[in-house]
Amino acid sequence: MQYLDSARPSIVQTIDSTAIAAARFVQVEVAKVENPRKYALSFNVDFRDAEANSVRLGTFSLFPPDNPGTFIVPAQGKLRAGGSIAVSLVIVDTPAPDAQVRVGIGKISLTSG
């Protein structure tokens, strides 16, 4: 599991090039959420090619904002071999300086549906 917070808001994972042809969606497992003040959270999902060019695939939000789950965003035919998926945490509300917001990302995978 990899963790996102305000100090480290993004993770990047290389994608399996053999799964790209059949992939219609990127699936992100939010396995753990520490958000006691229930700040609104959203996540950007981007594809980054081998040259580090980035394209937004989609976004998703937690509801309620401390509820883990599995989310999908459409791949839109934009995935290419040698690329990676970046998932970035966006704290929509302005958190207090001492706020504890930490999200554990489990598996990031490609799926056909």
N, C-alpha and C. Protein backbone atom coordinates (compact mmCIF):
# COMPACT_ATOMS: atom_id res chain seq x y z
N MET A 1 0.85 -1.17 0.00
CA MET A 1 0.00 0.00 0.00
C MET A 1 0.90 1.24 0.00
N GLN A 2 0.49 2.24 -0.78
CA GLN A 2 1.19 3.51 -0.82
C GLN A 2 0.27 4.58 -0.25
N TYR A 3 0.85 5.54 0.46
CA TYR A 3 0.05 6.55 1.13
C TYR A 3 0.18 7.92 0.48
N LEU A 4 -0.94 8.61 0.43
CA LEU A 4 -1.00 9.99 -0.05
C LEU A 4 -1.35 10.89 1.12
N ASP A 5 -0.73 12.06 1.18
CA ASP A 5 -1.08 13.08 2.16
C ASP A 5 -0.64 14.42 1.59
N SER A 6 -0.74 15.49 2.37
CA SER A 6 -0.41 16.81 1.84
C SER A 6 1.08 16.94 1.50
N ALA A 7 1.94 16.19 2.17
CA ALA A 7 3.37 16.24 1.87
C ALA A 7 3.73 15.41 0.65
N ARG A 8 2.98 14.37 0.39
CA ARG A 8 3.21 13.48 -0.76
C ARG A 8 1.86 13.21 -1.42
N PRO A 9 1.38 14.15 -2.25
CA PRO A 9 0.03 14.05 -2.79
C PRO A 9 -0.12 13.15 -4.02
N SER A 10 0.97 12.63 -4.58
CA SER A 10 0.85 11.83 -5.81
C SER A 10 1.66 10.56 -5.73
N ILE A 11 1.15 9.54 -6.41
CA ILE A 11 1.91 8.31 -6.63
C ILE A 11 1.84 7.98 -8.11
N VAL A 12 2.86 7.31 -8.58
CA VAL A 12 2.94 6.93 -9.99
C VAL A 12 3.25 5.44 -10.07
N GLN A 13 2.49 4.74 -10.92
CA GLN A 13 2.70 3.31 -11.09
C GLN A 13 2.80 2.98 -12.57
N THR A 14 3.84 2.26 -12.96
CA THR A 14 4.00 1.80 -14.34
C THR A 14 2.89 0.82 -14.65
N ILE A 15 2.37 0.89 -15.88
CA ILE A 15 1.29 -0.02 -16.25
C ILE A 15 1.83 -1.19 -17.07
N ASP A 16 1.14 -2.29 -16.96
CA ASP A 16 1.49 -3.51 -17.68
C ASP A 16 1.07 -3.34 -19.14
N SER A 17 2.05 -3.29 -20.03
CA SER A 17 1.75 -3.03 -21.44
C SER A 17 0.94 -4.14 -22.10
N THR A 18 0.95 -5.35 -21.53
CA THR A 18 0.17 -6.44 -22.13
C THR A 18 -1.33 -6.27 -21.86
N ALA A 19 -1.70 -5.49 -20.86
CA ALA A 19 -3.11 -5.31 -20.50
C ALA A 19 -3.74 -4.10 -21.18
N ILE A 20 -2.95 -3.30 -21.87
CA ILE A 20 -3.45 -2.04 -22.43
C ILE A 20 -4.52 -2.26 -23.50
N ALA A 21 -4.34 -3.21 -24.37
CA ALA A 21 -5.27 -3.41 -25.50
C ALA A 21 -6.70 -3.65 -25.04
N ALA A 22 -6.87 -4.39 -23.97
CA ALA A 22 -8.21 -4.72 -23.49
C ALA A 22 -8.74 -3.74 -22.43
N ALA A 23 -7.91 -2.80 -22.01
CA ALA A 23 -8.28 -1.92 -20.91
C ALA A 23 -9.26 -0.84 -21.35
N ARG A 24 -10.38 -0.81 -20.67
CA ARG A 24 -11.37 0.26 -20.88
C ARG A 24 -11.40 1.22 -19.70
N PHE A 25 -10.89 0.76 -18.56
CA PHE A 25 -10.92 1.55 -17.34
C PHE A 25 -9.62 1.39 -16.55
N VAL A 26 -9.31 2.43 -15.76
CA VAL A 26 -8.28 2.34 -14.74
C VAL A 26 -9.02 2.20 -13.42
N GLN A 27 -8.65 1.20 -12.65
CA GLN A 27 -9.30 0.93 -11.37
C GLN A 27 -8.34 1.27 -10.24
N VAL A 28 -8.81 2.07 -9.31
CA VAL A 28 -7.99 2.51 -8.17
C VAL A 28 -8.67 2.06 -6.88
N GLU A 29 -7.94 1.32 -6.08
CA GLU A 29 -8.46 0.87 -4.78
C GLU A 29 -7.98 1.83 -3.69
N VAL A 30 -8.92 2.53 -3.07
CA VAL A 30 -8.64 3.34 -1.90
C VAL A 30 -8.89 2.42 -0.71
N ALA A 31 -7.81 1.94 -0.11
CA ALA A 31 -7.91 0.90 0.90
C ALA A 31 -8.09 1.43 2.32
N LYS A 32 -7.56 2.63 2.59
CA LYS A 32 -7.62 3.16 3.95
C LYS A 32 -7.71 4.68 3.88
N VAL A 33 -8.55 5.26 4.74
CA VAL A 33 -8.70 6.71 4.79
C VAL A 33 -8.63 7.18 6.24
N GLU A 34 -7.70 8.09 6.50
CA GLU A 34 -7.62 8.76 7.79
C GLU A 34 -7.98 10.22 7.53
N ASN A 35 -9.19 10.60 7.88
CA ASN A 35 -9.71 11.94 7.60
C ASN A 35 -10.73 12.27 8.70
N PRO A 36 -10.27 12.41 9.96
CA PRO A 36 -11.20 12.58 11.07
C PRO A 36 -12.07 13.85 10.98
N ARG A 37 -11.59 14.90 10.33
CA ARG A 37 -12.39 16.12 10.21
C ARG A 37 -13.25 16.13 8.95
N LYS A 38 -13.18 15.04 8.20
CA LYS A 38 -14.02 14.82 7.01
C LYS A 38 -13.91 15.94 5.97
N TYR A 39 -12.67 16.31 5.65
CA TYR A 39 -12.44 17.26 4.57
C TYR A 39 -12.82 16.60 3.26
N ALA A 40 -13.37 17.37 2.33
CA ALA A 40 -13.73 16.84 1.01
C ALA A 40 -12.44 16.47 0.27
N LEU A 41 -12.40 15.24 -0.26
CA LEU A 41 -11.23 14.75 -0.98
C LEU A 41 -11.61 14.34 -2.38
N SER A 42 -10.76 14.66 -3.34
CA SER A 42 -10.93 14.14 -4.69
C SER A 42 -9.58 13.65 -5.18
N PHE A 43 -9.60 12.89 -6.26
CA PHE A 43 -8.39 12.28 -6.79
C PHE A 43 -8.37 12.47 -8.30
N ASN A 44 -7.25 12.93 -8.81
CA ASN A 44 -7.03 13.03 -10.25
C ASN A 44 -6.29 11.79 -10.70
N VAL A 45 -6.72 11.24 -11.84
CA VAL A 45 -6.06 10.08 -12.42
C VAL A 45 -5.56 10.49 -13.79
N ASP A 46 -4.24 10.42 -13.98
CA ASP A 46 -3.61 10.84 -15.23
C ASP A 46 -2.81 9.69 -15.83
N PHE A 47 -2.69 9.72 -17.16
CA PHE A 47 -1.77 8.82 -17.86
C PHE A 47 -0.54 9.64 -18.23
N ARG A 48 0.64 9.11 -17.94
CA ARG A 48 1.90 9.75 -18.32
C ARG A 48 2.64 8.83 -19.28
N ASP A 49 2.97 9.36 -20.45
CA ASP A 49 3.68 8.54 -21.42
C ASP A 49 5.18 8.50 -21.08
N ALA A 50 5.95 7.78 -21.90
CA ALA A 50 7.38 7.60 -21.64
C ALA A 50 8.16 8.92 -21.65
N GLU A 51 7.64 9.94 -22.32
CA GLU A 51 8.30 11.25 -22.37
C GLU A 51 7.79 12.19 -21.28
N ALA A 52 7.02 11.67 -20.33
CA ALA A 52 6.47 12.42 -19.19
C ALA A 52 5.38 13.40 -19.59
N ASN A 53 4.79 13.26 -20.78
CA ASN A 53 3.60 14.04 -21.15
C ASN A 53 2.42 13.43 -20.40
N SER A 54 1.55 14.29 -19.91
CA SER A 54 0.45 13.83 -19.06
C SER A 54 -0.90 14.20 -19.66
N VAL A 55 -1.86 13.30 -19.53
CA VAL A 55 -3.23 13.57 -19.96
C VAL A 55 -4.18 13.10 -18.85
N ARG A 56 -5.14 13.94 -18.50
CA ARG A 56 -6.11 13.61 -17.46
C ARG A 56 -7.10 12.59 -17.99
N LEU A 57 -7.25 11.48 -17.27
CA LEU A 57 -8.23 10.46 -17.62
C LEU A 57 -9.55 10.71 -16.89
N GLY A 58 -9.47 11.21 -15.67
CA GLY A 58 -10.69 11.46 -14.92
C GLY A 58 -10.39 11.77 -13.47
N THR A 59 -11.46 11.98 -12.73
CA THR A 59 -11.37 12.24 -11.30
C THR A 59 -12.44 11.43 -10.58
N PHE A 60 -12.24 11.26 -9.29
CA PHE A 60 -13.28 10.66 -8.45
C PHE A 60 -13.15 11.25 -7.06
N SER A 61 -14.22 11.14 -6.29
CA SER A 61 -14.26 11.66 -4.92
C SER A 61 -14.77 10.59 -3.97
N LEU A 62 -14.40 10.73 -2.71
CA LEU A 62 -14.91 9.83 -1.68
C LEU A 62 -16.19 10.42 -1.11
N PHE A 63 -17.18 9.56 -0.89
CA PHE A 63 -18.40 10.01 -0.23
C PHE A 63 -18.94 8.87 0.62
N PRO A 64 -19.05 9.10 1.90
CA PRO A 64 -18.56 10.24 2.66
C PRO A 64 -17.03 10.32 2.57
N PRO A 65 -16.46 11.47 2.93
CA PRO A 65 -15.04 11.72 2.68
C PRO A 65 -14.06 10.90 3.51
N ASP A 66 -14.56 9.99 4.32
CA ASP A 66 -13.67 9.09 5.06
C ASP A 66 -13.95 7.63 4.71
N ASN A 67 -14.62 7.43 3.58
CA ASN A 67 -15.06 6.10 3.18
C ASN A 67 -14.17 5.53 2.07
N PRO A 68 -13.45 4.43 2.33
CA PRO A 68 -12.65 3.81 1.27
C PRO A 68 -13.54 3.11 0.26
N GLY A 69 -12.95 2.70 -0.85
CA GLY A 69 -13.69 1.98 -1.88
C GLY A 69 -12.83 1.77 -3.11
N THR A 70 -13.44 1.17 -4.12
CA THR A 70 -12.76 0.94 -5.40
C THR A 70 -13.46 1.78 -6.44
N PHE A 71 -12.67 2.50 -7.24
CA PHE A 71 -13.20 3.48 -8.19
C PHE A 71 -12.61 3.22 -9.57
N ILE A 72 -13.39 3.53 -10.61
CA ILE A 72 -12.89 3.40 -11.97
C ILE A 72 -13.03 4.72 -12.71
N VAL A 73 -12.10 4.96 -13.61
CA VAL A 73 -12.18 6.09 -14.54
C VAL A 73 -11.92 5.53 -15.94
N PRO A 74 -12.57 6.08 -16.96
CA PRO A 74 -12.39 5.55 -18.31
C PRO A 74 -10.98 5.80 -18.84
N ALA A 75 -10.44 4.80 -19.52
CA ALA A 75 -9.11 4.92 -20.11
C ALA A 75 -9.15 5.75 -21.39
N GLN A 76 -10.29 5.85 -22.03
CA GLN A 76 -10.53 6.69 -23.20
C GLN A 76 -9.60 6.36 -24.38
N GLY A 77 -9.03 5.17 -24.40
CA GLY A 77 -8.13 4.80 -25.48
C GLY A 77 -6.81 5.56 -25.46
N LYS A 78 -6.47 6.19 -24.34
CA LYS A 78 -5.27 7.03 -24.27
C LYS A 78 -4.06 6.34 -23.66
N LEU A 79 -4.18 5.09 -23.25
CA LEU A 79 -3.06 4.38 -22.65
C LEU A 79 -2.12 3.86 -23.72
N ARG A 80 -0.82 3.96 -23.46
CA ARG A 80 0.20 3.50 -24.39
C ARG A 80 1.27 2.73 -23.63
N ALA A 81 1.92 1.80 -24.32
CA ALA A 81 3.00 1.03 -23.71
C ALA A 81 4.11 1.96 -23.24
N GLY A 82 4.73 1.59 -22.13
CA GLY A 82 5.83 2.37 -21.58
C GLY A 82 5.38 3.51 -20.70
N GLY A 83 4.08 3.64 -20.49
CA GLY A 83 3.56 4.74 -19.69
C GLY A 83 3.26 4.32 -18.27
N SER A 84 2.68 5.26 -17.54
CA SER A 84 2.33 5.01 -16.15
C SER A 84 1.05 5.75 -15.79
N ILE A 85 0.48 5.35 -14.67
CA ILE A 85 -0.72 5.99 -14.13
C ILE A 85 -0.32 6.77 -12.89
N ALA A 86 -0.74 8.04 -12.83
CA ALA A 86 -0.49 8.88 -11.66
C ALA A 86 -1.82 9.14 -10.97
N VAL A 87 -1.86 8.96 -9.68
CA VAL A 87 -3.04 9.25 -8.87
C VAL A 87 -2.63 10.35 -7.89
N SER A 88 -3.38 11.46 -7.89
CA SER A 88 -3.06 12.61 -7.05
C SER A 88 -4.22 12.96 -6.14
N LEU A 89 -3.90 13.19 -4.89
CA LEU A 89 -4.87 13.60 -3.88
C LEU A 89 -5.07 15.11 -3.95
N VAL A 90 -6.34 15.54 -3.95
CA VAL A 90 -6.69 16.95 -3.88
C VAL A 90 -7.59 17.13 -2.66
N ILE A 91 -7.12 17.92 -1.70
CA ILE A 91 -7.95 18.24 -0.54
C ILE A 91 -8.75 19.47 -0.93
N VAL A 92 -10.03 19.27 -1.19
CA VAL A 92 -10.89 20.32 -1.73
C VAL A 92 -11.08 21.45 -0.73
N ASP A 93 -11.33 21.10 0.52
CA ASP A 93 -11.46 22.10 1.58
C ASP A 93 -10.06 22.56 1.99
N THR A 94 -9.97 23.73 2.59
CA THR A 94 -8.70 24.20 3.12
C THR A 94 -8.54 23.62 4.52
N PRO A 95 -7.61 22.66 4.68
CA PRO A 95 -7.48 22.02 5.98
C PRO A 95 -6.78 22.91 7.01
N ALA A 96 -7.06 22.67 8.25
CA ALA A 96 -6.35 23.34 9.34
C ALA A 96 -4.88 22.92 9.29
N PRO A 97 -3.98 23.76 9.78
CA PRO A 97 -2.55 23.43 9.73
C PRO A 97 -2.19 22.10 10.40
N ASP A 98 -2.95 21.72 11.42
CA ASP A 98 -2.67 20.48 12.13
C ASP A 98 -3.52 19.30 11.64
N ALA A 99 -4.17 19.46 10.51
CA ALA A 99 -5.09 18.43 10.01
C ALA A 99 -4.35 17.15 9.65
N GLN A 100 -4.98 16.05 9.98
CA GLN A 100 -4.45 14.73 9.65
C GLN A 100 -5.28 14.15 8.53
N VAL A 101 -4.75 14.16 7.32
CA VAL A 101 -5.41 13.54 6.17
C VAL A 101 -4.40 12.61 5.52
N ARG A 102 -4.74 11.32 5.48
CA ARG A 102 -3.84 10.32 4.92
C ARG A 102 -4.69 9.26 4.24
N VAL A 103 -4.34 8.93 3.00
CA VAL A 103 -5.12 7.97 2.22
C VAL A 103 -4.20 6.86 1.74
N GLY A 104 -4.58 5.62 2.00
CA GLY A 104 -3.82 4.47 1.55
C GLY A 104 -4.38 3.95 0.23
N ILE A 105 -3.54 3.96 -0.79
CA ILE A 105 -3.94 3.44 -2.11
C ILE A 105 -3.42 2.01 -2.22
N GLY A 106 -4.34 1.11 -2.47
CA GLY A 106 -3.97 -0.29 -2.66
C GLY A 106 -3.56 -0.54 -4.08
N LYS A 107 -4.34 -1.30 -4.78
CA LYS A 107 -4.02 -1.70 -6.14
C LYS A 107 -4.50 -0.67 -7.17
N ILE A 108 -3.66 -0.38 -8.14
CA ILE A 108 -4.03 0.39 -9.32
C ILE A 108 -3.91 -0.58 -10.49
N SER A 109 -5.01 -0.80 -11.21
CA SER A 109 -4.99 -1.80 -12.27
C SER A 109 -5.81 -1.35 -13.47
N LEU A 110 -5.67 -2.08 -14.54
CA LEU A 110 -6.45 -1.85 -15.75
C LEU A 110 -7.51 -2.93 -15.82
N THR A 111 -8.70 -2.56 -16.28
CA THR A 111 -9.79 -3.51 -16.38
C THR A 111 -10.62 -3.25 -17.63
N SER A 112 -11.26 -4.30 -18.10
CA SER A 112 -12.10 -4.16 -19.29
C SER A 112 -13.54 -3.81 -18.95
N GLY A 113 -13.88 -3.84 -17.66
CA GLY A 113 -15.23 -3.48 -17.30
C GLY A 113 -15.74 -4.09 -16.09
